[in-house]
Amino acid sequence: MDKDFIRNIFYYKRYYLDFFETLKPEVKAKFNWTLGLISTIDRVPEKYFKHMEDSDGIFEVRVEVGSDIYRVFSFFDKGQLIILVNGFQKKTQKTPKKEIELAERLKKQYFDEKKGK
């Protein structure tokens, strides 16, 4: 892969990887493709990467395979570093508030650990 990366992606602990391991091969492939897109293009379409309104800097990576919809929450650290946290399969129109709250807690935990608290 000889693409230039403009963003780096980091998995915080095993939250994303544990979720990823539960997915079907075609969903894993779509997540890998989507993360590659987010890493390499300047303006990522909202269809794939969107800021969550009413959140503290949480973004969602968005993947659809057939009629199945998946989301992984993330946030930025140091400009172009994206930290991936919790993922889930979306079963309702509205994103579950508990998933957003978990992402915000994990973001706080990440930065607290980074500061050495």
PDB file of N, CA and C in Angstrom:
ATOM      1  N   MET A   1       0.850  -1.188   0.000  1.00  0.00           N
ATOM      2  CA  MET A   1       0.000   0.000   0.000  1.00  0.00           C
ATOM      3  C   MET A   1       0.890   1.243   0.000  1.00  0.00           C
ATOM      4  N   ASP A   2       0.859   1.968  -1.093  1.00  0.00           N
ATOM      5  CA  ASP A   2       1.747   3.113  -1.184  1.00  0.00           C
ATOM      6  C   ASP A   2       0.998   4.443  -1.093  1.00  0.00           C
ATOM      7  N   LYS A   3      -0.081   4.444  -0.332  1.00  0.00           N
ATOM      8  CA  LYS A   3      -0.816   5.687  -0.113  1.00  0.00           C
ATOM      9  C   LYS A   3      -0.143   6.497   0.977  1.00  0.00           C
ATOM     10  N   ASP A   4      -0.269   7.805   0.881  1.00  0.00           N
ATOM     11  CA  ASP A   4       0.256   8.676   1.929  1.00  0.00           C
ATOM     12  C   ASP A   4      -0.797   8.816   3.024  1.00  0.00           C
ATOM     13  N   PHE A   5      -0.395   8.535   4.233  1.00  0.00           N
ATOM     14  CA  PHE A   5      -1.317   8.654   5.359  1.00  0.00           C
ATOM     15  C   PHE A   5      -1.317  10.090   5.859  1.00  0.00           C
ATOM     16  N   ILE A   6      -2.514  10.656   6.004  1.00  0.00           N
ATOM     17  CA  ILE A   6      -2.627  11.996   6.573  1.00  0.00           C
ATOM     18  C   ILE A   6      -3.163  11.930   7.996  1.00  0.00           C
ATOM     19  N   ARG A   7      -3.695  10.767   8.368  1.00  0.00           N
ATOM     20  CA  ARG A   7      -4.157  10.528   9.735  1.00  0.00           C
ATOM     21  C   ARG A   7      -3.665   9.157  10.174  1.00  0.00           C
ATOM     22  N   ASN A   8      -3.330   9.035  11.451  1.00  0.00           N
ATOM     23  CA  ASN A   8      -2.966   7.742  12.019  1.00  0.00           C
ATOM     24  C   ASN A   8      -4.113   7.266  12.894  1.00  0.00           C
ATOM     25  N   ILE A   9      -4.308   5.964  12.914  1.00  0.00           N
ATOM     26  CA  ILE A   9      -5.388   5.371  13.712  1.00  0.00           C
ATOM     27  C   ILE A   9      -4.765   4.498  14.795  1.00  0.00           C
ATOM     28  N   PHE A  10      -5.271   4.670  16.009  1.00  0.00           N
ATOM     29  CA  PHE A  10      -4.764   3.960  17.180  1.00  0.00           C
ATOM     30  C   PHE A  10      -5.943   3.282  17.868  1.00  0.00           C
ATOM     31  N   TYR A  11      -5.756   2.040  18.279  1.00  0.00           N
ATOM     32  CA  TYR A  11      -6.805   1.322  19.006  1.00  0.00           C
ATOM     33  C   TYR A  11      -6.549   1.492  20.492  1.00  0.00           C
ATOM     34  N   TYR A  12      -7.499   2.085  21.202  1.00  0.00           N
ATOM     35  CA  TYR A  12      -7.342   2.257  22.645  1.00  0.00           C
ATOM     36  C   TYR A  12      -7.702   0.956  23.332  1.00  0.00           C
ATOM     37  N   LYS A  13      -6.730   0.413  24.039  1.00  0.00           N
ATOM     38  CA  LYS A  13      -6.853  -0.888  24.707  1.00  0.00           C
ATOM     39  C   LYS A  13      -7.363  -1.892  23.680  1.00  0.00           C
ATOM     40  N   ARG A  14      -8.356  -2.693  24.022  1.00  0.00           N
ATOM     41  CA  ARG A  14      -8.850  -3.691  23.059  1.00  0.00           C
ATOM     42  C   ARG A  14     -10.310  -3.451  22.698  1.00  0.00           C
ATOM     43  N   TYR A  15     -10.841  -2.276  23.000  1.00  0.00           N
ATOM     44  CA  TYR A  15     -12.268  -2.038  22.761  1.00  0.00           C
ATOM     45  C   TYR A  15     -12.658  -2.269  21.306  1.00  0.00           C
ATOM     46  N   TYR A  16     -11.946  -1.635  20.391  1.00  0.00           N
ATOM     47  CA  TYR A  16     -12.273  -1.811  18.974  1.00  0.00           C
ATOM     48  C   TYR A  16     -11.942  -3.227  18.505  1.00  0.00           C
ATOM     49  N   LEU A  17     -10.768  -3.730  18.870  1.00  0.00           N
ATOM     50  CA  LEU A  17     -10.350  -5.045  18.387  1.00  0.00           C
ATOM     51  C   LEU A  17     -11.284  -6.157  18.868  1.00  0.00           C
ATOM     52  N   ASP A  18     -11.756  -6.064  20.111  1.00  0.00           N
ATOM     53  CA  ASP A  18     -12.702  -7.070  20.616  1.00  0.00           C
ATOM     54  C   ASP A  18     -13.995  -7.040  19.805  1.00  0.00           C
ATOM     55  N   PHE A  19     -14.469  -5.842  19.478  1.00  0.00           N
ATOM     56  CA  PHE A  19     -15.665  -5.693  18.646  1.00  0.00           C
ATOM     57  C   PHE A  19     -15.395  -6.244  17.242  1.00  0.00           C
ATOM     58  N   PHE A  20     -14.269  -5.863  16.661  1.00  0.00           N
ATOM     59  CA  PHE A  20     -13.901  -6.264  15.299  1.00  0.00           C
ATOM     60  C   PHE A  20     -13.873  -7.788  15.155  1.00  0.00           C
ATOM     61  N   GLU A  21     -13.358  -8.470  16.165  1.00  0.00           N
ATOM     62  CA  GLU A  21     -13.239  -9.933  16.107  1.00  0.00           C
ATOM     63  C   GLU A  21     -14.588 -10.636  16.040  1.00  0.00           C
ATOM     64  N   THR A  22     -15.678  -9.950  16.456  1.00  0.00           N
ATOM     65  CA  THR A  22     -17.009 -10.568  16.437  1.00  0.00           C
ATOM     66  C   THR A  22     -17.702 -10.428  15.084  1.00  0.00           C
ATOM     67  N   LEU A  23     -17.120  -9.671  14.170  1.00  0.00           N
ATOM     68  CA  LEU A  23     -17.791  -9.344  12.915  1.00  0.00           C
ATOM     69  C   LEU A  23     -17.583 -10.404  11.840  1.00  0.00           C
ATOM     70  N   LYS A  24     -18.533 -10.444  10.896  1.00  0.00           N
ATOM     71  CA  LYS A  24     -18.420 -11.332   9.731  1.00  0.00           C
ATOM     72  C   LYS A  24     -17.288 -10.818   8.829  1.00  0.00           C
ATOM     73  N   PRO A  25     -16.675 -11.711   8.046  1.00  0.00           N
ATOM     74  CA  PRO A  25     -15.555 -11.301   7.178  1.00  0.00           C
ATOM     75  C   PRO A  25     -15.866 -10.109   6.267  1.00  0.00           C
ATOM     76  N   GLU A  26     -17.066 -10.055   5.705  1.00  0.00           N
ATOM     77  CA  GLU A  26     -17.380  -8.948   4.798  1.00  0.00           C
ATOM     78  C   GLU A  26     -17.507  -7.619   5.546  1.00  0.00           C
ATOM     79  N   VAL A  27     -17.923  -7.670   6.801  1.00  0.00           N
ATOM     80  CA  VAL A  27     -18.011  -6.447   7.613  1.00  0.00           C
ATOM     81  C   VAL A  27     -16.601  -6.008   8.016  1.00  0.00           C
ATOM     82  N   LYS A  28     -15.751  -6.961   8.383  1.00  0.00           N
ATOM     83  CA  LYS A  28     -14.352  -6.642   8.700  1.00  0.00           C
ATOM     84  C   LYS A  28     -13.681  -5.970   7.501  1.00  0.00           C
ATOM     85  N   ALA A  29     -13.914  -6.515   6.306  1.00  0.00           N
ATOM     86  CA  ALA A  29     -13.309  -5.946   5.095  1.00  0.00           C
ATOM     87  C   ALA A  29     -13.789  -4.516   4.879  1.00  0.00           C
ATOM     88  N   LYS A  30     -15.066  -4.276   5.117  1.00  0.00           N
ATOM     89  CA  LYS A  30     -15.596  -2.915   4.921  1.00  0.00           C
ATOM     90  C   LYS A  30     -15.025  -1.961   5.970  1.00  0.00           C
ATOM     91  N   PHE A  31     -14.868  -2.411   7.218  1.00  0.00           N
ATOM     92  CA  PHE A  31     -14.241  -1.562   8.240  1.00  0.00           C
ATOM     93  C   PHE A  31     -12.802  -1.240   7.842  1.00  0.00           C
ATOM     94  N   ASN A  32     -12.064  -2.235   7.379  1.00  0.00           N
ATOM     95  CA  ASN A  32     -10.676  -1.992   6.974  1.00  0.00           C
ATOM     96  C   ASN A  32     -10.619  -0.992   5.823  1.00  0.00           C
ATOM     97  N   TRP A  33     -11.518  -1.132   4.858  1.00  0.00           N
ATOM     98  CA  TRP A  33     -11.568  -0.207   3.726  1.00  0.00           C
ATOM     99  C   TRP A  33     -11.894   1.205   4.215  1.00  0.00           C
ATOM    100  N   THR A  34     -12.888   1.312   5.101  1.00  0.00           N
ATOM    101  CA  THR A  34     -13.318   2.618   5.606  1.00  0.00           C
ATOM    102  C   THR A  34     -12.204   3.286   6.410  1.00  0.00           C
ATOM    103  N   LEU A  35     -11.520   2.535   7.262  1.00  0.00           N
ATOM    104  CA  LEU A  35     -10.416   3.107   8.035  1.00  0.00           C
ATOM    105  C   LEU A  35      -9.273   3.535   7.114  1.00  0.00           C
ATOM    106  N   GLY A  36      -9.049   2.797   6.045  1.00  0.00           N
ATOM    107  CA  GLY A  36      -8.049   3.200   5.058  1.00  0.00           C
ATOM    108  C   GLY A  36      -8.430   4.521   4.400  1.00  0.00           C
ATOM    109  N   LEU A  37      -9.703   4.672   4.098  1.00  0.00           N
ATOM    110  CA  LEU A  37     -10.208   5.922   3.508  1.00  0.00           C
ATOM    111  C   LEU A  37      -9.992   7.088   4.468  1.00  0.00           C
ATOM    112  N   ILE A  38     -10.368   6.889   5.720  1.00  0.00           N
ATOM    113  CA  ILE A  38     -10.232   7.942   6.738  1.00  0.00           C
ATOM    114  C   ILE A  38      -8.766   8.325   6.921  1.00  0.00           C
ATOM    115  N   SER A  39      -7.876   7.353   6.793  1.00  0.00           N
ATOM    116  CA  SER A  39      -6.438   7.594   6.984  1.00  0.00           C
ATOM    117  C   SER A  39      -5.791   8.358   5.845  1.00  0.00           C
ATOM    118  N   THR A  40      -6.385   8.266   4.654  1.00  0.00           N
ATOM    119  CA  THR A  40      -5.650   8.733   3.483  1.00  0.00           C
ATOM    120  C   THR A  40      -6.289   9.880   2.705  1.00  0.00           C
ATOM    121  N   ILE A  41      -7.569  10.187   2.919  1.00  0.00           N
ATOM    122  CA  ILE A  41      -8.137  11.303   2.155  1.00  0.00           C
ATOM    123  C   ILE A  41      -8.415  12.492   3.072  1.00  0.00           C
ATOM    124  N   ASP A  42      -8.257  13.669   2.495  1.00  0.00           N
ATOM    125  CA  ASP A  42      -8.363  14.903   3.273  1.00  0.00           C
ATOM    126  C   ASP A  42      -9.777  15.142   3.788  1.00  0.00           C
ATOM    127  N   ARG A  43     -10.739  15.109   2.909  1.00  0.00           N
ATOM    128  CA  ARG A  43     -12.133  15.367   3.293  1.00  0.00           C
ATOM    129  C   ARG A  43     -12.922  14.067   3.209  1.00  0.00           C
ATOM    130  N   VAL A  44     -13.162  13.470   4.363  1.00  0.00           N
ATOM    131  CA  VAL A  44     -13.874  12.192   4.414  1.00  0.00           C
ATOM    132  C   VAL A  44     -15.373  12.472   4.378  1.00  0.00           C
ATOM    133  N   PRO A  45     -16.114  11.851   3.459  1.00  0.00           N
ATOM    134  CA  PRO A  45     -17.567  12.060   3.418  1.00  0.00           C
ATOM    135  C   PRO A  45     -18.228  11.639   4.737  1.00  0.00           C
ATOM    136  N   GLU A  46     -19.262  12.399   5.137  1.00  0.00           N
ATOM    137  CA  GLU A  46     -19.984  12.079   6.380  1.00  0.00           C
ATOM    138  C   GLU A  46     -20.582  10.685   6.360  1.00  0.00           C
ATOM    139  N   LYS A  47     -20.767  10.134   5.189  1.00  0.00           N
ATOM    140  CA  LYS A  47     -21.291   8.772   5.093  1.00  0.00           C
ATOM    141  C   LYS A  47     -20.386   7.784   5.835  1.00  0.00           C
ATOM    142  N   TYR A  48     -19.089   8.110   5.927  1.00  0.00           N
ATOM    143  CA  TYR A  48     -18.116   7.198   6.547  1.00  0.00           C
ATOM    144  C   TYR A  48     -17.563   7.675   7.882  1.00  0.00           C
ATOM    145  N   PHE A  49     -17.581   8.976   8.117  1.00  0.00           N
ATOM    146  CA  PHE A  49     -16.942   9.530   9.319  1.00  0.00           C
ATOM    147  C   PHE A  49     -17.638  10.832   9.671  1.00  0.00           C
ATOM    148  N   LYS A  50     -18.293  10.851  10.839  1.00  0.00           N
ATOM    149  CA  LYS A  50     -19.131  11.996  11.174  1.00  0.00           C
ATOM    150  C   LYS A  50     -18.977  12.388  12.638  1.00  0.00           C
ATOM    151  N   HIS A  51     -18.930  13.698  12.879  1.00  0.00           N
ATOM    152  CA  HIS A  51     -18.916  14.206  14.258  1.00  0.00           C
ATOM    153  C   HIS A  51     -20.289  13.988  14.870  1.00  0.00           C
ATOM    154  N   MET A  52     -20.309  13.507  16.109  1.00  0.00           N
ATOM    155  CA  MET A  52     -21.576  13.285  16.806  1.00  0.00           C
ATOM    156  C   MET A  52     -22.026  14.596  17.455  1.00  0.00           C
ATOM    157  N   GLU A  53     -23.191  15.075  17.040  1.00  0.00           N
ATOM    158  CA  GLU A  53     -23.729  16.287  17.647  1.00  0.00           C
ATOM    159  C   GLU A  53     -23.988  16.024  19.128  1.00  0.00           C
ATOM    160  N   ASP A  54     -23.914  17.081  19.910  1.00  0.00           N
ATOM    161  CA  ASP A  54     -24.152  16.982  21.362  1.00  0.00           C
ATOM    162  C   ASP A  54     -23.198  16.013  22.053  1.00  0.00           C
ATOM    163  N   SER A  55     -21.972  15.920  21.542  1.00  0.00           N
ATOM    164  CA  SER A  55     -20.968  15.077  22.204  1.00  0.00           C
ATOM    165  C   SER A  55     -19.720  15.927  22.425  1.00  0.00           C
ATOM    166  N   ASP A  56     -18.826  15.398  23.240  1.00  0.00           N
ATOM    167  CA  ASP A  56     -17.581  16.094  23.550  1.00  0.00           C
ATOM    168  C   ASP A  56     -16.476  15.617  22.601  1.00  0.00           C
ATOM    169  N   GLY A  57     -16.585  15.992  21.333  1.00  0.00           N
ATOM    170  CA  GLY A  57     -15.545  15.645  20.364  1.00  0.00           C
ATOM    171  C   GLY A  57     -15.525  14.194  19.935  1.00  0.00           C
ATOM    172  N   ILE A  58     -16.679  13.537  19.984  1.00  0.00           N
ATOM    173  CA  ILE A  58     -16.763  12.141  19.566  1.00  0.00           C
ATOM    174  C   ILE A  58     -17.173  12.080  18.093  1.00  0.00           C
ATOM    175  N   PHE A  59     -16.477  11.222  17.351  1.00  0.00           N
ATOM    176  CA  PHE A  59     -16.800  10.990  15.941  1.00  0.00           C
ATOM    177  C   PHE A  59     -17.204   9.531  15.789  1.00  0.00           C
ATOM    178  N   GLU A  60     -18.019   9.250  14.776  1.00  0.00           N
ATOM    179  CA  GLU A  60     -18.358   7.854  14.518  1.00  0.00           C
ATOM    180  C   GLU A  60     -17.847   7.443  13.148  1.00  0.00           C
ATOM    181  N   VAL A  61     -17.244   6.260  13.118  1.00  0.00           N
ATOM    182  CA  VAL A  61     -16.876   5.601  11.872  1.00  0.00           C
ATOM    183  C   VAL A  61     -18.122   4.815  11.484  1.00  0.00           C
ATOM    184  N   ARG A  62     -18.586   5.022  10.257  1.00  0.00           N
ATOM    185  CA  ARG A  62     -19.870   4.467   9.838  1.00  0.00           C
ATOM    186  C   ARG A  62     -19.673   3.428   8.744  1.00  0.00           C
ATOM    187  N   VAL A  63     -20.222   2.228   8.968  1.00  0.00           N
ATOM    188  CA  VAL A  63     -20.107   1.144   7.998  1.00  0.00           C
ATOM    189  C   VAL A  63     -21.476   0.510   7.802  1.00  0.00           C
ATOM    190  N   GLU A  64     -21.821   0.310   6.541  1.00  0.00           N
ATOM    191  CA  GLU A  64     -23.050  -0.410   6.207  1.00  0.00           C
ATOM    192  C   GLU A  64     -22.690  -1.561   5.285  1.00  0.00           C
ATOM    193  N   VAL A  65     -23.227  -2.742   5.607  1.00  0.00           N
ATOM    194  CA  VAL A  65     -23.061  -3.916   4.762  1.00  0.00           C
ATOM    195  C   VAL A  65     -24.451  -4.513   4.598  1.00  0.00           C
ATOM    196  N   GLY A  66     -24.978  -4.448   3.377  1.00  0.00           N
ATOM    197  CA  GLY A  66     -26.362  -4.873   3.162  1.00  0.00           C
ATOM    198  C   GLY A  66     -27.282  -3.988   3.990  1.00  0.00           C
ATOM    199  N   SER A  67     -28.152  -4.593   4.772  1.00  0.00           N
ATOM    200  CA  SER A  67     -29.058  -3.810   5.620  1.00  0.00           C
ATOM    201  C   SER A  67     -28.509  -3.639   7.035  1.00  0.00           C
ATOM    202  N   ASP A  68     -27.309  -4.162   7.292  1.00  0.00           N
ATOM    203  CA  ASP A  68     -26.695  -4.050   8.622  1.00  0.00           C
ATOM    204  C   ASP A  68     -25.864  -2.772   8.720  1.00  0.00           C
ATOM    205  N   ILE A  69     -26.011  -2.092   9.848  1.00  0.00           N
ATOM    206  CA  ILE A  69     -25.304  -0.827  10.082  1.00  0.00           C
ATOM    207  C   ILE A  69     -24.439  -0.989  11.331  1.00  0.00           C
ATOM    208  N   TYR A  70     -23.182  -0.550  11.221  1.00  0.00           N
ATOM    209  CA  TYR A  70     -22.241  -0.650  12.328  1.00  0.00           C
ATOM    210  C   TYR A  70     -21.618   0.716  12.579  1.00  0.00           C
ATOM    211  N   ARG A  71     -21.273   0.959  13.840  1.00  0.00           N
ATOM    212  CA  ARG A  71     -20.627   2.209  14.216  1.00  0.00           C
ATOM    213  C   ARG A  71     -19.486   1.915  15.179  1.00  0.00           C
ATOM    214  N   VAL A  72     -18.404   2.698  15.034  1.00  0.00           N
ATOM    215  CA  VAL A  72     -17.311   2.678  16.000  1.00  0.00           C
ATOM    216  C   VAL A  72     -17.041   4.123  16.367  1.00  0.00           C
ATOM    217  N   PHE A  73     -17.013   4.407  17.652  1.00  0.00           N
ATOM    218  CA  PHE A  73     -16.749   5.770  18.096  1.00  0.00           C
ATOM    219  C   PHE A  73     -15.252   6.012  18.197  1.00  0.00           C
ATOM    220  N   SER A  74     -14.895   7.272  18.016  1.00  0.00           N
ATOM    221  CA  SER A  74     -13.489   7.658  18.032  1.00  0.00           C
ATOM    222  C   SER A  74     -13.382   9.124  18.434  1.00  0.00           C
ATOM    223  N   PHE A  75     -12.136   9.565  18.632  1.00  0.00           N
ATOM    224  CA  PHE A  75     -11.876  10.970  18.929  1.00  0.00           C
ATOM    225  C   PHE A  75     -10.455  11.275  18.474  1.00  0.00           C
ATOM    226  N   PHE A  76     -10.151  12.556  18.410  1.00  0.00           N
ATOM    227  CA  PHE A  76      -8.822  12.982  17.953  1.00  0.00           C
ATOM    228  C   PHE A  76      -7.904  13.256  19.136  1.00  0.00           C
ATOM    229  N   ASP A  77      -6.629  12.958  18.937  1.00  0.00           N
ATOM    230  CA  ASP A  77      -5.568  13.333  19.862  1.00  0.00           C
ATOM    231  C   ASP A  77      -4.446  13.903  19.008  1.00  0.00           C
ATOM    232  N   LYS A  78      -3.900  15.037  19.393  1.00  0.00           N
ATOM    233  CA  LYS A  78      -2.774  15.653  18.679  1.00  0.00           C
ATOM    234  C   LYS A  78      -3.046  15.791  17.186  1.00  0.00           C
ATOM    235  N   GLY A  79      -4.104  16.471  16.833  1.00  0.00           N
ATOM    236  CA  GLY A  79      -4.355  16.805  15.439  1.00  0.00           C
ATOM    237  C   GLY A  79      -4.831  15.675  14.566  1.00  0.00           C
ATOM    238  N   GLN A  80      -3.912  14.880  14.037  1.00  0.00           N
ATOM    239  CA  GLN A  80      -4.291  13.872  13.049  1.00  0.00           C
ATOM    240  C   GLN A  80      -4.228  12.434  13.575  1.00  0.00           C
ATOM    241  N   LEU A  81      -4.238  12.265  14.885  1.00  0.00           N
ATOM    242  CA  LEU A  81      -4.255  10.927  15.479  1.00  0.00           C
ATOM    243  C   LEU A  81      -5.687  10.616  15.911  1.00  0.00           C
ATOM    244  N   ILE A  82      -6.246   9.557  15.345  1.00  0.00           N
ATOM    245  CA  ILE A  82      -7.611   9.153  15.666  1.00  0.00           C
ATOM    246  C   ILE A  82      -7.546   7.947  16.591  1.00  0.00           C
ATOM    247  N   ILE A  83      -8.241   8.040  17.709  1.00  0.00           N
ATOM    248  CA  ILE A  83      -8.282   6.964  18.695  1.00  0.00           C
ATOM    249  C   ILE A  83      -9.628   6.251  18.566  1.00  0.00           C
ATOM    250  N   LEU A  84      -9.607   4.950  18.265  1.00  0.00           N
ATOM    251  CA  LEU A  84     -10.838   4.171  18.157  1.00  0.00           C
ATOM    252  C   LEU A  84     -11.177   3.563  19.509  1.00  0.00           C
ATOM    253  N   VAL A  85     -12.466   3.627  19.855  1.00  0.00           N
ATOM    254  CA  VAL A  85     -12.908   3.014  21.115  1.00  0.00           C
ATOM    255  C   VAL A  85     -14.045   2.032  20.824  1.00  0.00           C
ATOM    256  N   ASN A  86     -15.198   2.195  21.420  1.00  0.00           N
ATOM    257  CA  ASN A  86     -16.250   1.182  21.367  1.00  0.00           C
ATOM    258  C   ASN A  86     -16.975   1.130  20.021  1.00  0.00           C
ATOM    259  N   GLY A  87     -17.392  -0.079  19.669  1.00  0.00           N
ATOM    260  CA  GLY A  87     -18.177  -0.295  18.461  1.00  0.00           C
ATOM    261  C   GLY A  87     -19.428  -1.079  18.780  1.00  0.00           C
ATOM    262  N   PHE A  88     -20.416  -0.995  17.887  1.00  0.00           N
ATOM    263  CA  PHE A  88     -21.668  -1.715  18.086  1.00  0.00           C
ATOM    264  C   PHE A  88     -22.407  -1.814  16.759  1.00  0.00           C
ATOM    265  N   GLN A  89     -23.359  -2.752  16.707  1.00  0.00           N
ATOM    266  CA  GLN A  89     -24.240  -2.822  15.552  1.00  0.00           C
ATOM    267  C   GLN A  89     -25.447  -1.952  15.851  1.00  0.00           C
ATOM    268  N   LYS A  90     -25.769  -1.089  14.928  1.00  0.00           N
ATOM    269  CA  LYS A  90     -26.865  -0.136  15.124  1.00  0.00           C
ATOM    270  C   LYS A  90     -28.164  -0.810  14.705  1.00  0.00           C
ATOM    271  N   LYS A  91     -29.119  -0.870  15.636  1.00  0.00           N
ATOM    272  CA  LYS A  91     -30.376  -1.555  15.354  1.00  0.00           C
ATOM    273  C   LYS A  91     -31.576  -0.613  15.341  1.00  0.00           C
ATOM    274  N   THR A  92     -31.351   0.644  15.731  1.00  0.00           N
ATOM    275  CA  THR A  92     -32.437   1.623  15.728  1.00  0.00           C
ATOM    276  C   THR A  92     -31.973   2.866  14.975  1.00  0.00           C
ATOM    277  N   GLN A  93     -32.919   3.721  14.621  1.00  0.00           N
ATOM    278  CA  GLN A  93     -32.587   4.944  13.896  1.00  0.00           C
ATOM    279  C   GLN A  93     -31.676   5.847  14.719  1.00  0.00           C
ATOM    280  N   LYS A  94     -31.974   5.947  16.009  1.00  0.00           N
ATOM    281  CA  LYS A  94     -31.216   6.840  16.883  1.00  0.00           C
ATOM    282  C   LYS A  94     -30.052   6.077  17.526  1.00  0.00           C
ATOM    283  N   THR A  95     -28.893   6.712  17.581  1.00  0.00           N
ATOM    284  CA  THR A  95     -27.731   6.094  18.223  1.00  0.00           C
ATOM    285  C   THR A  95     -27.974   6.003  19.728  1.00  0.00           C
ATOM    286  N   PRO A  96     -27.791   4.818  20.310  1.00  0.00           N
ATOM    287  CA  PRO A  96     -28.028   4.673  21.756  1.00  0.00           C
ATOM    288  C   PRO A  96     -27.158   5.625  22.581  1.00  0.00           C
ATOM    289  N   LYS A  97     -27.809   6.359  23.477  1.00  0.00           N
ATOM    290  CA  LYS A  97     -27.112   7.340  24.326  1.00  0.00           C
ATOM    291  C   LYS A  97     -26.029   6.661  25.165  1.00  0.00           C
ATOM    292  N   LYS A  98     -26.293   5.430  25.621  1.00  0.00           N
ATOM    293  CA  LYS A  98     -25.314   4.732  26.462  1.00  0.00           C
ATOM    294  C   LYS A  98     -24.019   4.457  25.698  1.00  0.00           C
ATOM    295  N   GLU A  99     -24.095   4.267  24.385  1.00  0.00           N
ATOM    296  CA  GLU A  99     -22.884   4.043  23.589  1.00  0.00           C
ATOM    297  C   GLU A  99     -22.065   5.331  23.480  1.00  0.00           C
ATOM    298  N   ILE A 100     -22.746   6.462  23.303  1.00  0.00           N
ATOM    299  CA  ILE A 100     -22.049   7.753  23.245  1.00  0.00           C
ATOM    300  C   ILE A 100     -21.418   8.061  24.602  1.00  0.00           C
ATOM    301  N   GLU A 101     -22.168   7.804  25.680  1.00  0.00           N
ATOM    302  CA  GLU A 101     -21.638   8.051  27.030  1.00  0.00           C
ATOM    303  C   GLU A 101     -20.416   7.176  27.301  1.00  0.00           C
ATOM    304  N   LEU A 102     -20.445   5.925  26.845  1.00  0.00           N
ATOM    305  CA  LEU A 102     -19.292   5.042  27.017  1.00  0.00           C
ATOM    306  C   LEU A 102     -18.091   5.612  26.263  1.00  0.00           C
ATOM    307  N   ALA A 103     -18.294   6.073  25.030  1.00  0.00           N
ATOM    308  CA  ALA A 103     -17.204   6.657  24.251  1.00  0.00           C
ATOM    309  C   ALA A 103     -16.618   7.871  24.965  1.00  0.00           C
ATOM    310  N   GLU A 104     -17.469   8.701  25.544  1.00  0.00           N
ATOM    311  CA  GLU A 104     -16.976   9.887  26.263  1.00  0.00           C
ATOM    312  C   GLU A 104     -16.193   9.495  27.511  1.00  0.00           C
ATOM    313  N   ARG A 105     -16.642   8.441  28.217  1.00  0.00           N
ATOM    314  CA  ARG A 105     -15.893   7.946  29.388  1.00  0.00           C
ATOM    315  C   ARG A 105     -14.535   7.398  28.971  1.00  0.00           C
ATOM    316  N   LEU A 106     -14.505   6.658  27.871  1.00  0.00           N
ATOM    317  CA  LEU A 106     -13.237   6.091  27.390  1.00  0.00           C
ATOM    318  C   LEU A 106     -12.292   7.191  26.930  1.00  0.00           C
ATOM    319  N   LYS A 107     -12.827   8.245  26.330  1.00  0.00           N
ATOM    320  CA  LYS A 107     -11.997   9.380  25.922  1.00  0.00           C
ATOM    321  C   LYS A 107     -11.368  10.028  27.152  1.00  0.00           C
ATOM    322  N   LYS A 108     -12.164  10.250  28.194  1.00  0.00           N
ATOM    323  CA  LYS A 108     -11.653  10.852  29.424  1.00  0.00           C
ATOM    324  C   LYS A 108     -10.585   9.941  30.040  1.00  0.00           C
ATOM    325  N   GLN A 109     -10.871   8.644  30.089  1.00  0.00           N
ATOM    326  CA  GLN A 109      -9.919   7.673  30.649  1.00  0.00           C
ATOM    327  C   GLN A 109      -8.607   7.703  29.854  1.00  0.00           C
ATOM    328  N   TYR A 110      -8.685   7.756  28.537  1.00  0.00           N
ATOM    329  CA  TYR A 110      -7.496   7.820  27.681  1.00  0.00           C
ATOM    330  C   TYR A 110      -6.638   9.023  28.026  1.00  0.00           C
ATOM    331  N   PHE A 111      -7.263  10.210  28.084  1.00  0.00           N
ATOM    332  CA  PHE A 111      -6.482  11.421  28.355  1.00  0.00           C
ATOM    333  C   PHE A 111      -5.991  11.468  29.798  1.00  0.00           C
ATOM    334  N   ASP A 112      -6.764  10.925  30.755  1.00  0.00           N
ATOM    335  CA  ASP A 112      -6.303  10.850  32.143  1.00  0.00           C
ATOM    336  C   ASP A 112      -5.068   9.968  32.235  1.00  0.00           C
ATOM    337  N   GLU A 113      -5.090   8.810  31.565  1.00  0.00           N
ATOM    338  CA  GLU A 113      -3.926   7.900  31.580  1.00  0.00           C
ATOM    339  C   GLU A 113      -2.731   8.563  30.921  1.00  0.00           C
ATOM    340  N   LYS A 114      -2.976   9.289  29.851  1.00  0.00           N
ATOM    341  CA  LYS A 114      -1.898   9.961  29.141  1.00  0.00           C
ATOM    342  C   LYS A 114      -1.230  11.011  30.015  1.00  0.00           C
ATOM    343  N   LYS A 115      -2.029  11.700  30.850  1.00  0.00           N
ATOM    344  CA  LYS A 115      -1.476  12.715  31.756  1.00  0.00           C
ATOM    345  C   LYS A 115      -0.830  12.083  32.971  1.00  0.00           C
ATOM    346  N   GLY A 116      -1.028  10.770  33.127  1.00  0.00           N
ATOM    347  CA  GLY A 116      -0.417  10.081  34.257  1.00  0.00           C
ATOM    348  C   GLY A 116      -1.215  10.151  35.528  1.00  0.00           C
ATOM    349  N   LYS A 117      -2.522  10.341  35.418  1.00  0.00           N
ATOM    350  CA  LYS A 117      -3.367  10.406  36.626  1.00  0.00           C
ATOM    351  C   LYS A 117      -3.574   9.028  37.191  1.00  0.00           C
TER     352      LYS A 117
END
